């Protein structure tokens, strides 16, 4: 479903997306929009950034602490 939201996630594995969802987004679409924004910004700064486990993890770090 997330891949339909933004093509950025086309290259991500299901495992990486599920990990980011469990750890940070918890199924919240608004949070996924923020994660996508952070990931997209990281790729625009460095277009060679791979869409792998590190990208959603790094993007989630921009969200701040989880309650």
PDB file of N, CA and C in Angstrom:
ATOM      1  N   UNK A   1       0.822  -1.200   0.000  1.00  0.00           N
ATOM      2  CA  UNK A   1       0.000   0.000   0.000  1.00  0.00           C
ATOM      3  C   UNK A   1       0.863   1.260   0.000  1.00  0.00           C
ATOM      4  N   UNK A   2       1.940   1.250   0.762  1.00  0.00           N
ATOM      5  CA  UNK A   2       2.785   2.442   0.851  1.00  0.00           C
ATOM      6  C   UNK A   2       3.411   2.778  -0.502  1.00  0.00           C
ATOM      7  N   UNK A   3       3.693   1.770  -1.284  1.00  0.00           N
ATOM      8  CA  UNK A   3       4.291   2.006  -2.601  1.00  0.00           C
ATOM      9  C   UNK A   3       3.325   2.765  -3.524  1.00  0.00           C
ATOM     10  N   UNK A   4       2.033   2.649  -3.277  1.00  0.00           N
ATOM     11  CA  UNK A   4       1.049   3.404  -4.055  1.00  0.00           C
ATOM     12  C   UNK A   4       1.051   4.875  -3.660  1.00  0.00           C
ATOM     13  N   UNK A   5       1.446   5.161  -2.425  1.00  0.00           N
ATOM     14  CA  UNK A   5       1.490   6.522  -1.912  1.00  0.00           C
ATOM     15  C   UNK A   5       2.619   7.321  -2.550  1.00  0.00           C
ATOM     16  N   UNK A   6       3.797   6.709  -2.649  1.00  0.00           N
ATOM     17  CA  UNK A   6       4.936   7.434  -3.214  1.00  0.00           C
ATOM     18  C   UNK A   6       5.904   6.458  -3.856  1.00  0.00           C
ATOM     19  N   UNK A   7       6.329   6.732  -5.092  1.00  0.00           N
ATOM     20  CA  UNK A   7       7.235   5.814  -5.795  1.00  0.00           C
ATOM     21  C   UNK A   7       8.615   5.693  -5.140  1.00  0.00           C
ATOM     22  N   UNK A   8       8.935   6.577  -4.218  1.00  0.00           N
ATOM     23  CA  UNK A   8      10.207   6.483  -3.502  1.00  0.00           C
ATOM     24  C   UNK A   8      10.367   5.108  -2.874  1.00  0.00           C
ATOM     25  N   UNK A   9       9.268   4.540  -2.395  1.00  0.00           N
ATOM     26  CA  UNK A   9       9.324   3.279  -1.662  1.00  0.00           C
ATOM     27  C   UNK A   9       9.298   2.048  -2.562  1.00  0.00           C
ATOM     28  N   UNK A  10       9.269   2.236  -3.884  1.00  0.00           N
ATOM     29  CA  UNK A  10       9.259   1.094  -4.800  1.00  0.00           C
ATOM     30  C   UNK A  10      10.465   0.182  -4.595  1.00  0.00           C
ATOM     31  N   UNK A  11      11.610   0.766  -4.269  1.00  0.00           N
ATOM     32  CA  UNK A  11      12.825  -0.027  -4.114  1.00  0.00           C
ATOM     33  C   UNK A  11      13.048  -0.589  -2.724  1.00  0.00           C
ATOM     34  N   UNK A  12      12.203  -0.222  -1.782  1.00  0.00           N
ATOM     35  CA  UNK A  12      12.365  -0.698  -0.404  1.00  0.00           C
ATOM     36  C   UNK A  12      11.796  -2.107  -0.262  1.00  0.00           C
ATOM     37  N   UNK A  13      12.421  -2.882   0.595  1.00  0.00           N
ATOM     38  CA  UNK A  13      11.904  -4.226   0.845  1.00  0.00           C
ATOM     39  C   UNK A  13      10.734  -4.161   1.818  1.00  0.00           C
ATOM     40  N   UNK A  14       9.906  -5.185   1.765  1.00  0.00           N
ATOM     41  CA  UNK A  14       8.787  -5.259   2.709  1.00  0.00           C
ATOM     42  C   UNK A  14       9.309  -5.260   4.143  1.00  0.00           C
ATOM     43  N   UNK A  15      10.401  -5.962   4.375  1.00  0.00           N
ATOM     44  CA  UNK A  15      10.988  -6.042   5.716  1.00  0.00           C
ATOM     45  C   UNK A  15      11.380  -4.665   6.241  1.00  0.00           C
ATOM     46  N   UNK A  16      12.009  -3.854   5.399  1.00  0.00           N
ATOM     47  CA  UNK A  16      12.432  -2.514   5.822  1.00  0.00           C
ATOM     48  C   UNK A  16      11.223  -1.623   6.124  1.00  0.00           C
ATOM     49  N   UNK A  17      10.209  -1.704   5.282  1.00  0.00           N
ATOM     50  CA  UNK A  17       9.007  -0.890   5.501  1.00  0.00           C
ATOM     51  C   UNK A  17       8.250  -1.337   6.744  1.00  0.00           C
ATOM     52  N   UNK A  18       8.159  -2.642   6.944  1.00  0.00           N
ATOM     53  CA  UNK A  18       7.477  -3.148   8.138  1.00  0.00           C
ATOM     54  C   UNK A  18       8.226  -2.760   9.404  1.00  0.00           C
ATOM     55  N   UNK A  19       9.555  -2.797   9.349  1.00  0.00           N
ATOM     56  CA  UNK A  19      10.349  -2.390  10.508  1.00  0.00           C
ATOM     57  C   UNK A  19      10.092  -0.913  10.841  1.00  0.00           C
ATOM     58  N   UNK A  20      10.127  -0.053   9.834  1.00  0.00           N
ATOM     59  CA  UNK A  20       9.885   1.378  10.057  1.00  0.00           C
ATOM     60  C   UNK A  20       8.471   1.613  10.577  1.00  0.00           C
ATOM     61  N   UNK A  21       7.529   0.843  10.064  1.00  0.00           N
ATOM     62  CA  UNK A  21       6.146   1.014  10.530  1.00  0.00           C
ATOM     63  C   UNK A  21       6.008   0.578  11.984  1.00  0.00           C
ATOM     64  N   UNK A  22       6.566  -0.589  12.318  1.00  0.00           N
ATOM     65  CA  UNK A  22       6.466  -1.076  13.698  1.00  0.00           C
ATOM     66  C   UNK A  22       7.172  -0.148  14.672  1.00  0.00           C
ATOM     67  N   UNK A  23       8.340   0.335  14.285  1.00  0.00           N
ATOM     68  CA  UNK A  23       9.156   1.136  15.195  1.00  0.00           C
ATOM     69  C   UNK A  23       8.712   2.590  15.296  1.00  0.00           C
ATOM     70  N   UNK A  24       8.127   3.127  14.228  1.00  0.00           N
ATOM     71  CA  UNK A  24       7.875   4.572  14.216  1.00  0.00           C
ATOM     72  C   UNK A  24       6.461   4.972  13.793  1.00  0.00           C
ATOM     73  N   UNK A  25       6.024   4.513  12.640  1.00  0.00           N
ATOM     74  CA  UNK A  25       4.760   5.006  12.088  1.00  0.00           C
ATOM     75  C   UNK A  25       3.532   4.362  12.720  1.00  0.00           C
ATOM     76  N   UNK A  26       3.646   3.101  13.077  1.00  0.00           N
ATOM     77  CA  UNK A  26       2.540   2.358  13.702  1.00  0.00           C
ATOM     78  C   UNK A  26       1.230   2.493  12.925  1.00  0.00           C
ATOM     79  N   UNK A  27       1.348   2.414  11.597  1.00  0.00           N
ATOM     80  CA  UNK A  27       0.160   2.455  10.748  1.00  0.00           C
ATOM     81  C   UNK A  27      -0.431   3.837  10.530  1.00  0.00           C
ATOM     82  N   UNK A  28       0.206   4.861  11.052  1.00  0.00           N
ATOM     83  CA  UNK A  28      -0.306   6.225  10.930  1.00  0.00           C
ATOM     84  C   UNK A  28       0.157   6.826   9.609  1.00  0.00           C
ATOM     85  N   UNK A  29      -0.797   7.127   8.731  1.00  0.00           N
ATOM     86  CA  UNK A  29      -0.455   7.634   7.403  1.00  0.00           C
ATOM     87  C   UNK A  29       0.232   8.998   7.468  1.00  0.00           C
ATOM     88  N   UNK A  30      -0.170   9.831   8.395  1.00  0.00           N
ATOM     89  CA  UNK A  30       0.450  11.148   8.533  1.00  0.00           C
ATOM     90  C   UNK A  30       1.936  10.999   8.893  1.00  0.00           C
ATOM     91  N   UNK A  31       2.243  10.046   9.752  1.00  0.00           N
ATOM     92  CA  UNK A  31       3.642   9.799  10.107  1.00  0.00           C
ATOM     93  C   UNK A  31       4.408   9.284   8.898  1.00  0.00           C
ATOM     94  N   UNK A  32       3.771   8.420   8.101  1.00  0.00           N
ATOM     95  CA  UNK A  32       4.429   7.940   6.884  1.00  0.00           C
ATOM     96  C   UNK A  32       4.685   9.095   5.909  1.00  0.00           C
ATOM     97  N   UNK A  33       3.808  10.062   5.872  1.00  0.00           N
ATOM     98  CA  UNK A  33       4.032  11.232   5.012  1.00  0.00           C
ATOM     99  C   UNK A  33       5.272  11.992   5.477  1.00  0.00           C
ATOM    100  N   UNK A  34       5.451  12.105   6.792  1.00  0.00           N
ATOM    101  CA  UNK A  34       6.641  12.776   7.334  1.00  0.00           C
ATOM    102  C   UNK A  34       7.900  11.973   7.034  1.00  0.00           C
ATOM    103  N   UNK A  35       7.827  10.658   7.220  1.00  0.00           N
ATOM    104  CA  UNK A  35       8.977   9.802   6.934  1.00  0.00           C
ATOM    105  C   UNK A  35       9.353   9.924   5.458  1.00  0.00           C
ATOM    106  N   UNK A  36       8.357   9.904   4.594  1.00  0.00           N
ATOM    107  CA  UNK A  36       8.597  10.029   3.158  1.00  0.00           C
ATOM    108  C   UNK A  36       9.234  11.376   2.833  1.00  0.00           C
ATOM    109  N   UNK A  37       8.772  12.431   3.468  1.00  0.00           N
ATOM    110  CA  UNK A  37       9.343  13.757   3.250  1.00  0.00           C
ATOM    111  C   UNK A  37      10.816  13.796   3.653  1.00  0.00           C
ATOM    112  N   UNK A  38      11.139  13.230   4.815  1.00  0.00           N
ATOM    113  CA  UNK A  38      12.532  13.190   5.265  1.00  0.00           C
ATOM    114  C   UNK A  38      13.390  12.333   4.325  1.00  0.00           C
ATOM    115  N   UNK A  39      12.856  11.209   3.887  1.00  0.00           N
ATOM    116  CA  UNK A  39      13.601  10.329   2.983  1.00  0.00           C
ATOM    117  C   UNK A  39      13.810  11.000   1.629  1.00  0.00           C
ATOM    118  N   UNK A  40      12.781  11.654   1.132  1.00  0.00           N
ATOM    119  CA  UNK A  40      12.872  12.342  -0.152  1.00  0.00           C
ATOM    120  C   UNK A  40      13.912  13.460  -0.080  1.00  0.00           C
ATOM    121  N   UNK A  41      13.943  14.191   1.025  1.00  0.00           N
ATOM    122  CA  UNK A  41      14.936  15.256   1.202  1.00  0.00           C
ATOM    123  C   UNK A  41      16.351  14.675   1.249  1.00  0.00           C
ATOM    124  N   UNK A  42      16.525  13.551   1.927  1.00  0.00           N
ATOM    125  CA  UNK A  42      17.838  12.914   1.986  1.00  0.00           C
ATOM    126  C   UNK A  42      18.297  12.502   0.596  1.00  0.00           C
ATOM    127  N   UNK A  43      17.384  11.976  -0.203  1.00  0.00           N
ATOM    128  CA  UNK A  43      17.750  11.576  -1.571  1.00  0.00           C
ATOM    129  C   UNK A  43      17.999  12.775  -2.463  1.00  0.00           C
ATOM    130  N   UNK A  44      17.320  13.883  -2.228  1.00  0.00           N
ATOM    131  CA  UNK A  44      17.565  15.063  -3.066  1.00  0.00           C
ATOM    132  C   UNK A  44      18.917  15.692  -2.740  1.00  0.00           C
ATOM    133  N   UNK A  45      19.361  15.550  -1.466  1.00  0.00           N
ATOM    134  CA  UNK A  45      20.694  16.032  -1.105  1.00  0.00           C
ATOM    135  C   UNK A  45      21.784  15.120  -1.656  1.00  0.00           C
ATOM    136  N   UNK A  46      21.506  13.819  -1.716  1.00  0.00           N
ATOM    137  CA  UNK A  46      22.464  12.832  -2.220  1.00  0.00           C
ATOM    138  C   UNK A  46      21.705  11.816  -3.061  1.00  0.00           C
ATOM    139  N   UNK A  47      21.611  12.067  -4.367  1.00  0.00           N
ATOM    140  CA  UNK A  47      20.820  11.192  -5.239  1.00  0.00           C
ATOM    141  C   UNK A  47      21.287   9.739  -5.276  1.00  0.00           C
ATOM    142  N   UNK A  48      22.506   9.473  -4.835  1.00  0.00           N
ATOM    143  CA  UNK A  48      23.010   8.105  -4.821  1.00  0.00           C
ATOM    144  C   UNK A  48      22.573   7.330  -3.577  1.00  0.00           C
ATOM    145  N   UNK A  49      21.817   7.973  -2.701  1.00  0.00           N
ATOM    146  CA  UNK A  49      21.326   7.301  -1.492  1.00  0.00           C
ATOM    147  C   UNK A  49      20.405   6.161  -1.900  1.00  0.00           C
ATOM    148  N   UNK A  50      20.733   4.977  -1.427  1.00  0.00           N
ATOM    149  CA  UNK A  50      19.929   3.796  -1.765  1.00  0.00           C
ATOM    150  C   UNK A  50      18.668   3.745  -0.908  1.00  0.00           C
ATOM    151  N   UNK A  51      17.638   3.169  -1.488  1.00  0.00           N
ATOM    152  CA  UNK A  51      16.405   2.942  -0.736  1.00  0.00           C
ATOM    153  C   UNK A  51      16.550   1.551  -0.102  1.00  0.00           C
ATOM    154  N   UNK A  52      17.216   1.532   1.040  1.00  0.00           N
ATOM    155  CA  UNK A  52      17.457   0.290   1.756  1.00  0.00           C
ATOM    156  C   UNK A  52      17.105   0.500   3.224  1.00  0.00           C
ATOM    157  N   UNK A  53      17.521  -0.398   4.075  1.00  0.00           N
ATOM    158  CA  UNK A  53      17.176  -0.325   5.499  1.00  0.00           C
ATOM    159  C   UNK A  53      17.613   1.007   6.124  1.00  0.00           C
ATOM    160  N   UNK A  54      18.722   1.540   5.681  1.00  0.00           N
ATOM    161  CA  UNK A  54      19.267   2.763   6.264  1.00  0.00           C
ATOM    162  C   UNK A  54      18.400   3.992   5.969  1.00  0.00           C
ATOM    163  N   UNK A  55      17.791   4.063   4.804  1.00  0.00           N
ATOM    164  CA  UNK A  55      17.027   5.262   4.449  1.00  0.00           C
ATOM    165  C   UNK A  55      15.793   5.461   5.333  1.00  0.00           C
ATOM    166  N   UNK A  56      14.905   4.476   5.479  1.00  0.00           N
ATOM    167  CA  UNK A  56      13.772   4.719   6.378  1.00  0.00           C
ATOM    168  C   UNK A  56      14.207   4.915   7.825  1.00  0.00           C
ATOM    169  N   UNK A  57      15.282   4.239   8.230  1.00  0.00           N
ATOM    170  CA  UNK A  57      15.784   4.418   9.602  1.00  0.00           C
ATOM    171  C   UNK A  57      16.262   5.841   9.800  1.00  0.00           C
ATOM    172  N   UNK A  58      17.026   6.357   8.842  1.00  0.00           N
ATOM    173  CA  UNK A  58      17.522   7.731   8.936  1.00  0.00           C
ATOM    174  C   UNK A  58      16.367   8.725   8.856  1.00  0.00           C
ATOM    175  N   UNK A  59      15.397   8.462   7.998  1.00  0.00           N
ATOM    176  CA  UNK A  59      14.248   9.356   7.871  1.00  0.00           C
ATOM    177  C   UNK A  59      13.441   9.372   9.166  1.00  0.00           C
ATOM    178  N   UNK A  60      13.320   8.235   9.825  1.00  0.00           N
ATOM    179  CA  UNK A  60      12.572   8.171  11.072  1.00  0.00           C
ATOM    180  C   UNK A  60      13.278   8.932  12.196  1.00  0.00           C
ATOM    181  N   UNK A  61      14.585   9.048  12.102  1.00  0.00           N
ATOM    182  CA  UNK A  61      15.314   9.781  13.144  1.00  0.00           C
ATOM    183  C   UNK A  61      14.933  11.251  13.151  1.00  0.00           C
ATOM    184  N   UNK A  62      14.404  11.741  12.053  1.00  0.00           N
ATOM    185  CA  UNK A  62      13.963  13.138  11.989  1.00  0.00           C
ATOM    186  C   UNK A  62      12.610  13.369  12.624  1.00  0.00           C
ATOM    187  N   UNK A  63      11.967  12.314  13.099  1.00  0.00           N
ATOM    188  CA  UNK A  63      10.640  12.453  13.696  1.00  0.00           C
ATOM    189  C   UNK A  63      10.670  12.870  15.150  1.00  0.00           C
ATOM    190  N   UNK A  64      11.771  12.663  15.794  1.00  0.00           N
ATOM    191  CA  UNK A  64      11.836  12.965  17.220  1.00  0.00           C
ATOM    192  C   UNK A  64      11.487  11.728  18.027  1.00  0.00           C
ATOM    193  N   UNK A  65      11.424  11.881  19.346  1.00  0.00           N
ATOM    194  CA  UNK A  65      11.155  10.725  20.196  1.00  0.00           C
ATOM    195  C   UNK A  65       9.729  10.201  20.050  1.00  0.00           C
ATOM    196  N   UNK A  66       9.602   8.899  20.225  1.00  0.00           N
ATOM    197  CA  UNK A  66       8.265   8.274  20.211  1.00  0.00           C
ATOM    198  C   UNK A  66       7.645   8.373  21.590  1.00  0.00           C
ATOM    199  N   UNK A  67       6.369   8.678  21.650  1.00  0.00           N
ATOM    200  CA  UNK A  67       5.717   8.745  22.960  1.00  0.00           C
ATOM    201  C   UNK A  67       5.555   7.364  23.570  1.00  0.00           C
TER     202      UNK A  67
END
